[in-house]
Protein backbone atom coordinates (compact mmCIF):
# COMPACT_ATOMS: atom_id res chain seq x y z
CA UNK A 1 0.00 0.00 0.00
CA UNK A 2 2.93 2.27 0.64
CA UNK A 3 4.36 1.59 -2.83
CA UNK A 4 0.94 2.30 -4.34
CA UNK A 5 0.83 5.72 -2.71
CA UNK A 6 -2.14 4.95 -0.48
CA UNK A 7 -0.26 5.43 2.78
CA UNK A 8 2.91 7.21 3.84
CA UNK A 9 5.14 6.04 6.66
CA UNK A 10 6.95 8.55 8.85
CA UNK A 11 9.74 7.10 10.98
CA UNK A 12 9.98 8.42 14.52
CA UNK A 13 13.22 8.51 16.50
CA UNK A 14 13.86 9.56 20.06
CA UNK A 15 17.35 10.68 21.14
CA UNK A 16 17.13 8.80 24.41
CA UNK A 17 15.18 5.66 23.45
CA UNK A 18 15.99 5.25 19.75
CA UNK A 19 13.43 4.18 17.19
CA UNK A 20 9.78 4.54 18.16
CA UNK A 21 6.72 3.20 16.40
CA UNK A 22 6.11 4.58 12.92
CA UNK A 23 3.49 7.19 12.14
CA UNK A 24 1.23 6.50 9.17
CA UNK A 25 -0.54 9.09 7.02
CA UNK A 26 -3.60 7.79 5.18
CA UNK A 27 -4.27 10.73 2.81
CA UNK A 28 -4.05 8.65 -0.38
CA UNK A 29 -6.23 5.87 1.02
CA UNK A 30 -8.89 8.35 2.11
CA UNK A 31 -8.85 10.03 -1.31
CA UNK A 32 -9.33 6.68 -3.06
CA UNK A 33 -12.04 5.49 -0.64
CA UNK A 34 -14.27 8.59 -0.91
CA UNK A 35 -16.17 7.42 -4.06
CA UNK A 36 -16.93 4.07 -2.43
CA UNK A 37 -18.13 5.78 0.74
CA UNK A 38 -20.38 8.14 -1.24
CA UNK A 39 -21.87 5.16 -3.09
CA UNK A 40 -22.51 3.33 0.19
CA UNK A 41 -24.19 6.41 1.66
CA UNK A 42 -26.41 6.75 -1.43
CA UNK A 43 -27.43 3.09 -1.18
CA UNK A 44 -28.24 3.53 2.52
CA UNK A 45 -30.42 6.56 1.77
CA UNK A 46 -32.22 4.64 -1.00
CA UNK A 47 -32.95 1.77 1.40
CA UNK A 48 -34.34 4.27 3.93
CA UNK A 49 -36.65 5.72 1.26
CA UNK A 50 -37.83 2.24 0.24
CA UNK A 51 -38.50 1.29 3.86
CA UNK A 52 -40.47 4.50 4.41
CA UNK A 53 -42.50 3.81 1.26
CA UNK A 54 -43.29 0.29 2.48
CA UNK A 55 -44.42 1.59 5.87
CA UNK A 56 -46.73 4.19 4.36
CA UNK A 57 -48.14 1.93 1.64
CA UNK A 58 -51.89 1.75 1.96
CA UNK A 59 -53.46 -1.58 2.59
CA UNK A 60 -56.46 -2.62 0.50
CA UNK A 61 -59.82 -2.03 2.13
CA UNK A 62 -61.68 -5.17 3.09
CA UNK A 63 -65.08 -5.77 1.54
CA UNK A 64 -67.83 -8.18 2.46
CA UNK A 65 -68.57 -10.42 -0.48
CA UNK A 66 -72.14 -11.66 -0.56
CA UNK A 67 -72.68 -15.12 -2.01
CA UNK A 68 -74.55 -15.26 -5.29
CA UNK A 69 -78.09 -16.56 -5.05
CA UNK A 70 -78.75 -19.63 -7.09
CA UNK A 71 -81.95 -20.02 -9.11
CA UNK A 72 -83.65 -23.08 -7.71
């Protein structure tokens, strides 16, 4: 990922203790992930709209069906 430019590693040294843990900068990764995040947010909003439409969908009104009279 570092060779691909997605992350940058910054070495940290201390005069007294020597090498410390590295610091990583994720600017490239964030830049590349933004379109995927926007797409996921759009899908989430669409699902919310669909769920709201299902909740507000009107149910059919019930009717009493009278049996047909037979000619005897």
